Every structure is written in structure tokens, then in C-alpha cells.
Amino acid sequence: MNKHMSGRGVRALAAAALLLATAGAARADAVESLRDFVREARTGRAAFTQTVTAPDGAKKKTSSGSFEFARPNRFRFEYRKPYEQLIVADGQKVWIFDADLQQASARPLAQALGSTPAALLAGGALDKDFNLSNLPSAQGLDWVQATPRDKEAAFQSLRVGFRGRALAAIEIVDSFGQHSRLEFSEMATNVAVPPESFRFVPPKGVAVVE
């Protein structure tokens, strides 16, 4: 078990990552903004802060770092605080590298995402995979509710929040009721992202589990 993510957490985060790859500038109708951006966004990068709250709301963990994506199915979460951790999807595998433990693990992308519809989001199948609906504005954001049609998905729902035309937050509720909120800043889309960002080679001496 790594410091930030369990297996379910990785699947939920991967789902969020791929949803982020479809999300971007928003108008008053946030659902239509998602649909529009599926056709337009190819790459992106942002800084993020993640807060994970236990189902009872009593325990919270906060971490931060940077995020990059390139459709389809490539993303990079680089945690810097409070611990260093790297999660990279290269289009075929999802790698998790824990610098403190000097351990890396990998699994096929499809297996990491399980049966969740997130694996298809970068291809633009939003309405096929999710029930989408606009939610009332709250906390200064316009929200979209994305409920997976797959009843065995690793998460109950995703909410995507926009501030003006910028993606501001993604909220995930997993199948056990754990709540994760990712808040984004310095979001830039359709920017040059080096292919090397989505490649991971285990450092020498690191234990690898596949």
C-alpha cells in the first residue's frame, strides 16, 4: 500500500485523470462544455492539491503536485508534498513509483481502470459511459455530475467544477464512500507536452512489481 493511493484509489484517480483530459473551459451549461472539450482538447497541464476525506469525514489527508495529460490514455501525476510519488500512464500501463520505499509497480492500463468507463473518456464516449447532468452552482463554481452507467465501477460519481471558462476542481466519491477533491490551478490546455513525460523507466536498484 503506498502513502497516497490504494488500488481502488489509483483506479479512481485514473478515472479522474482521463475525465480531466476531456474537461476544460466551461460556459453556463457545464455539460455542453464537457462535450465540446472532448472534441477539442488534446493535451494539458496544471498544478493540483488533493484532499482525501474518510467516509465518516473525520480523517483528511492533503497532498500536492503537478499533472499532465495527452489524449488518449496518457497522464502523469507527480506528487511533491508531503511525500514524493509518481503515477504515470503511458497508454499501455499505469506505473506507480514511491520514492521513499524505492518501489515501483505496474499493471496494464485496462486492468488498472477495471470496468470503469474512464478508459473510454479520452475517446469521447461521455454520454455512453456516464449519466451527465448540470448541478446548481456552489462554492463559486459551476458543476457537472457524472454518474457511471457501469454499476461495478470503482467510484460512485464524479463532479467536475468550473470557474468561468477554467477547470477548477474534480470531486470523486469511491465505492466505499471515500471522498477525494482535486483542486487545479495554472491550467493550460493544448500545450506542448514532451512525450517523455509519459514514459517511466524504473531507476537502478528499485524493486519492480508487475
Protein backbone atom coordinates (compact mmCIF):
# COMPACT_ATOMS: atom_id res chain seq x y z
CA MET A 1 0.00 0.00 0.00
CA ASN A 2 1.54 3.33 -0.97
CA LYS A 3 1.15 6.52 1.04
CA HIS A 4 -1.38 8.18 -1.23
CA MET A 5 -3.27 5.54 -3.18
CA SER A 6 -4.77 2.10 -2.66
CA GLY A 7 -5.61 0.03 -5.75
CA ARG A 8 -9.12 1.46 -5.72
CA GLY A 9 -7.68 4.92 -5.26
CA VAL A 10 -5.46 4.51 -8.29
CA ARG A 11 -8.44 3.44 -10.40
CA ALA A 12 -10.46 6.40 -9.19
CA LEU A 13 -7.56 8.76 -9.80
CA ALA A 14 -7.00 7.30 -13.24
CA ALA A 15 -10.67 7.86 -13.94
CA ALA A 16 -10.34 11.44 -12.80
CA ALA A 17 -7.24 11.89 -14.90
CA LEU A 18 -8.93 10.72 -18.04
CA LEU A 19 -12.01 12.78 -17.25
CA LEU A 20 -9.71 15.75 -16.83
CA ALA A 21 -8.41 15.04 -20.31
CA THR A 22 -11.95 15.66 -21.55
CA ALA A 23 -12.65 18.69 -19.40
CA GLY A 24 -11.69 22.29 -19.87
CA ALA A 25 -13.22 25.68 -20.48
CA ALA A 26 -16.79 25.95 -19.30
CA ARG A 27 -19.80 28.02 -20.13
CA ALA A 28 -23.03 28.32 -18.16
CA ASP A 29 -24.01 24.83 -19.39
CA ALA A 30 -21.13 22.81 -17.97
CA VAL A 31 -22.34 19.55 -19.56
CA GLU A 32 -22.09 21.07 -23.00
CA SER A 33 -18.64 22.36 -22.11
CA LEU A 34 -17.51 18.82 -21.41
CA ARG A 35 -18.92 17.60 -24.70
CA ASP A 36 -17.28 20.43 -26.60
CA PHE A 37 -13.93 19.87 -24.99
CA VAL A 38 -13.94 16.15 -25.82
CA ARG A 39 -13.69 17.24 -29.44
CA GLU A 40 -11.03 19.89 -28.87
CA ALA A 41 -8.62 19.20 -26.01
CA ARG A 42 -5.55 17.14 -26.80
CA THR A 43 -3.07 17.95 -24.03
CA GLY A 44 -2.89 19.88 -20.79
CA ARG A 45 -1.02 20.60 -17.59
CA ALA A 46 -1.86 22.04 -14.18
CA ALA A 47 -0.82 22.22 -10.56
CA PHE A 48 -3.08 20.39 -8.13
CA THR A 49 -3.92 20.00 -4.47
CA GLN A 50 -5.66 16.79 -3.44
CA THR A 51 -7.67 16.30 -0.26
CA VAL A 52 -8.85 12.79 0.65
CA THR A 53 -11.55 12.51 3.30
CA ALA A 54 -12.61 9.30 5.03
CA PRO A 55 -16.28 8.25 4.71
CA ASP A 56 -17.01 9.46 8.25
CA GLY A 57 -15.44 12.84 7.45
CA ALA A 58 -13.11 12.56 10.42
CA LYS A 59 -9.78 12.00 8.68
CA LYS A 60 -8.26 14.11 5.93
CA LYS A 61 -5.01 13.84 4.01
CA THR A 62 -3.70 16.61 1.78
CA SER A 63 -1.06 16.35 -0.93
CA SER A 64 0.02 18.48 -3.88
CA GLY A 65 1.98 18.34 -7.10
CA SER A 66 1.61 18.69 -10.86
CA PHE A 67 -0.46 16.96 -13.51
CA GLU A 68 -0.08 16.50 -17.29
CA PHE A 69 -2.17 14.62 -19.83
CA ALA A 70 -2.23 13.77 -23.52
CA ARG A 71 -5.19 12.01 -25.04
CA PRO A 72 -5.66 9.15 -25.39
CA ASN A 73 -4.83 7.42 -22.13
CA ARG A 74 -1.62 9.15 -21.13
CA PHE A 75 -1.21 11.12 -17.93
CA ARG A 76 1.28 11.95 -15.20
CA PHE A 77 0.57 12.81 -11.56
CA GLU A 78 3.73 13.93 -9.78
CA TYR A 79 3.23 14.30 -6.04
CA ARG A 80 5.80 16.50 -4.32
CA LYS A 81 4.31 17.19 -0.86
CA PRO A 82 4.22 15.75 1.72
CA TYR A 83 5.86 12.74 0.01
CA GLU A 84 7.25 12.14 -3.45
CA GLN A 85 5.25 9.75 -5.59
CA LEU A 86 4.75 9.35 -9.32
CA ILE A 87 1.80 7.87 -11.20
CA VAL A 88 2.32 7.59 -14.96
CA ALA A 89 0.07 6.13 -17.65
CA ASP A 90 1.90 5.58 -20.95
CA GLY A 91 -1.12 4.38 -22.92
CA GLN A 92 -0.38 0.73 -22.17
CA LYS A 93 0.47 0.54 -18.47
CA VAL A 94 -0.03 2.53 -15.29
CA TRP A 95 3.17 2.88 -13.25
CA ILE A 96 3.32 3.88 -9.58
CA PHE A 97 6.69 4.84 -8.15
CA ASP A 98 7.19 5.50 -4.44
CA ALA A 99 10.50 7.28 -3.99
CA ASP A 100 10.68 6.71 -0.22
CA LEU A 101 10.11 2.98 -0.50
CA GLN A 102 12.21 2.69 -3.66
CA GLN A 103 9.47 0.56 -5.16
CA ALA A 104 7.65 0.66 -8.49
CA SER A 105 4.60 -1.26 -9.61
CA ALA A 106 2.91 -1.57 -12.98
CA ARG A 107 -0.26 -3.04 -14.36
CA PRO A 108 -1.97 -2.96 -17.76
CA LEU A 109 -3.99 0.20 -18.27
CA ALA A 110 -7.24 -1.70 -18.86
CA GLN A 111 -6.70 -3.71 -15.68
CA ALA A 112 -5.84 -0.64 -13.64
CA LEU A 113 -9.06 1.04 -14.72
CA GLY A 114 -11.07 -2.16 -14.38
CA SER A 115 -14.53 -1.97 -15.90
CA THR A 116 -14.92 1.74 -15.28
CA PRO A 117 -15.94 3.86 -18.27
CA ALA A 118 -12.98 6.16 -17.61
CA ALA A 119 -10.89 4.12 -20.07
CA LEU A 120 -13.13 5.38 -22.86
CA LEU A 121 -13.44 9.01 -21.83
CA ALA A 122 -10.45 10.18 -23.83
CA GLY A 123 -12.21 8.75 -26.88
CA GLY A 124 -15.21 10.97 -26.30
CA ALA A 125 -17.84 8.47 -25.12
CA LEU A 126 -19.12 10.66 -22.31
CA ASP A 127 -22.83 10.10 -22.85
CA LYS A 128 -22.33 6.40 -23.50
CA ASP A 129 -20.45 5.87 -20.25
CA PHE A 130 -21.95 8.46 -17.92
CA ASN A 131 -25.23 10.00 -16.99
CA LEU A 132 -24.39 13.70 -17.16
CA SER A 133 -26.34 16.50 -15.55
CA ASN A 134 -25.80 20.12 -14.59
CA LEU A 135 -25.79 20.84 -10.87
CA PRO A 136 -26.53 24.14 -9.12
CA SER A 137 -23.56 26.44 -8.81
CA ALA A 138 -21.82 26.18 -5.46
CA GLN A 139 -18.61 27.45 -3.89
CA GLY A 140 -18.27 29.86 -6.77
CA LEU A 141 -18.13 27.01 -9.32
CA ASP A 142 -20.44 25.59 -11.99
CA TRP A 143 -20.75 21.81 -11.56
CA VAL A 144 -21.40 18.75 -13.72
CA GLN A 145 -22.49 15.48 -12.15
CA ALA A 146 -21.05 12.43 -13.94
CA THR A 147 -22.54 9.16 -12.67
CA PRO A 148 -21.09 5.96 -14.19
CA ARG A 149 -23.56 3.76 -16.02
CA ASP A 150 -21.44 0.73 -15.10
CA LYS A 151 -22.77 -0.42 -11.73
CA GLU A 152 -19.44 -2.13 -10.95
CA ALA A 153 -17.34 0.99 -11.45
CA ALA A 154 -14.70 1.75 -8.82
CA PHE A 155 -16.42 5.01 -7.94
CA GLN A 156 -19.95 6.20 -7.29
CA SER A 157 -19.74 9.54 -9.01
CA LEU A 158 -17.59 12.37 -10.32
CA ARG A 159 -18.34 16.05 -10.07
CA VAL A 160 -16.48 18.50 -12.27
CA GLY A 161 -16.36 22.16 -11.25
CA PHE A 162 -15.57 25.16 -13.44
CA ARG A 163 -14.75 28.76 -12.59
CA GLY A 164 -15.66 30.82 -15.62
CA ARG A 165 -14.04 29.02 -18.54
CA ALA A 166 -11.38 27.25 -16.43
CA LEU A 167 -11.49 23.82 -14.85
CA ALA A 168 -11.19 24.33 -11.10
CA ALA A 169 -11.96 21.04 -9.34
CA ILE A 170 -12.86 17.38 -9.64
CA GLU A 171 -14.59 15.55 -6.80
CA ILE A 172 -14.65 11.75 -6.66
CA VAL A 173 -16.72 9.53 -4.36
CA ASP A 174 -15.45 5.96 -4.49
CA SER A 175 -17.46 2.79 -3.97
CA PHE A 176 -16.67 2.85 -0.23
CA GLY A 177 -17.75 6.44 0.28
CA GLN A 178 -14.25 7.93 0.45
CA HIS A 179 -14.24 11.47 -0.92
CA SER A 180 -11.36 12.92 -2.95
CA ARG A 181 -11.20 16.51 -4.13
CA LEU A 182 -8.61 17.73 -6.60
CA GLU A 183 -8.29 21.49 -6.99
CA PHE A 184 -6.42 22.75 -10.05
CA SER A 185 -4.52 25.94 -10.74
CA GLU A 186 -2.44 27.25 -13.63
CA MET A 187 -4.44 25.08 -16.03
CA ALA A 188 -3.24 25.21 -19.64
CA THR A 189 -4.67 23.12 -22.47
CA ASN A 190 -3.47 22.22 -25.96
CA VAL A 191 0.10 22.96 -24.95
CA ALA A 192 3.27 21.13 -25.93
CA VAL A 193 3.83 18.24 -23.51
CA PRO A 194 7.02 16.22 -24.09
CA PRO A 195 6.36 12.53 -24.84
CA GLU A 196 8.96 11.73 -22.19
CA SER A 197 6.50 12.91 -19.54
CA PHE A 198 4.53 9.72 -20.09
CA ARG A 199 7.45 7.30 -20.03
CA PHE A 200 8.71 5.66 -16.89
CA VAL A 201 11.93 3.69 -16.52
CA PRO A 202 12.49 2.29 -13.03
CA PRO A 203 15.68 3.71 -11.51
CA LYS A 204 18.52 1.29 -10.94
CA GLY A 205 18.09 -0.69 -7.74
CA VAL A 206 14.34 -0.10 -7.47
CA ALA A 207 12.16 -3.13 -6.79
CA VAL A 208 9.56 -3.62 -9.54
CA VAL A 209 6.27 -5.45 -9.11
CA GLU A 210 4.09 -6.17 -12.15
